Amino acid sequence: MINWIAANKANLIIGIILLGIVAAIVVNLVKKLRRGGSTCAYCADADCCAHKEGRAETSN
């Protein structure tokens, strides 16, 4: 097991860094949504989105 970890040390470090970046992005998006912000800027259909035009259905 220790030999495997030693042989794959670089891959493990890169994987941990990428996991941290993805986690930070998800946390940031969740915070924006809780504050009432929108994530439409990241959407490919942001120009014709129902949210932007006020036609979106709400779950409330």
Protein backbone atom coordinates (compact mmCIF):
# COMPACT_ATOMS: atom_id res chain seq x y z
CA MET A 1 0.00 0.00 0.00
CA ILE A 2 2.77 2.42 0.92
CA ASN A 3 4.59 1.54 -2.30
CA TRP A 4 1.47 2.35 -4.31
CA ILE A 5 1.08 5.71 -2.57
CA ALA A 6 4.76 6.51 -3.16
CA ALA A 7 4.47 5.56 -6.84
CA ASN A 8 1.34 7.70 -7.33
CA LYS A 9 2.24 10.65 -5.12
CA ALA A 10 2.02 13.23 -7.93
CA ASN A 11 -1.36 11.93 -9.11
CA LEU A 12 -2.72 11.99 -5.57
CA ILE A 13 -1.55 15.56 -4.98
CA ILE A 14 -3.06 16.77 -8.26
CA GLY A 15 -6.30 14.94 -7.52
CA ILE A 16 -6.57 16.49 -4.06
CA ILE A 17 -5.92 19.96 -5.48
CA LEU A 18 -8.57 19.49 -8.19
CA LEU A 19 -11.04 18.17 -5.63
CA GLY A 20 -10.44 21.27 -3.51
CA ILE A 21 -11.02 23.56 -6.49
CA VAL A 22 -14.29 21.82 -7.40
CA ALA A 23 -15.44 21.95 -3.78
CA ALA A 24 -14.68 25.69 -3.61
CA ILE A 25 -16.69 26.32 -6.78
CA VAL A 26 -19.67 24.34 -5.48
CA VAL A 27 -19.58 26.15 -2.13
CA ASN A 28 -19.44 29.50 -3.93
CA LEU A 29 -22.45 28.62 -6.12
CA VAL A 30 -24.47 27.41 -3.13
CA LYS A 31 -23.72 30.62 -1.24
CA LYS A 32 -24.85 32.71 -4.22
CA LEU A 33 -28.08 30.75 -4.51
CA ARG A 34 -28.82 31.12 -0.79
CA ARG A 35 -28.30 34.89 -1.04
CA GLY A 36 -30.83 34.99 -3.84
CA GLY A 37 -28.30 35.32 -6.60
CA SER A 38 -28.56 33.58 -9.91
CA THR A 39 -26.23 31.17 -11.63
CA CYS A 40 -27.67 32.00 -15.05
CA ALA A 41 -24.44 33.67 -16.14
CA TYR A 42 -22.81 30.24 -16.22
CA CYS A 43 -25.59 28.65 -18.26
CA ALA A 44 -25.24 28.05 -21.99
CA ASP A 45 -28.85 29.24 -22.50
CA ALA A 46 -28.45 32.42 -20.47
CA ASP A 47 -29.66 34.64 -23.33
CA CYS A 48 -33.04 32.93 -23.73
CA CYS A 49 -33.53 31.70 -20.18
CA ALA A 50 -36.96 31.82 -18.54
CA HIS A 51 -35.37 33.02 -15.29
CA LYS A 52 -33.99 36.09 -17.02
CA GLU A 53 -37.37 36.94 -18.56
CA GLY A 54 -39.26 36.41 -15.30
CA ARG A 55 -41.21 33.41 -16.61
CA ALA A 56 -39.59 30.83 -14.38
CA GLU A 57 -41.72 28.71 -12.11
CA THR A 58 -40.78 28.85 -8.47
CA SER A 59 -40.99 25.95 -6.07
CA ASN A 60 -42.36 28.16 -3.26
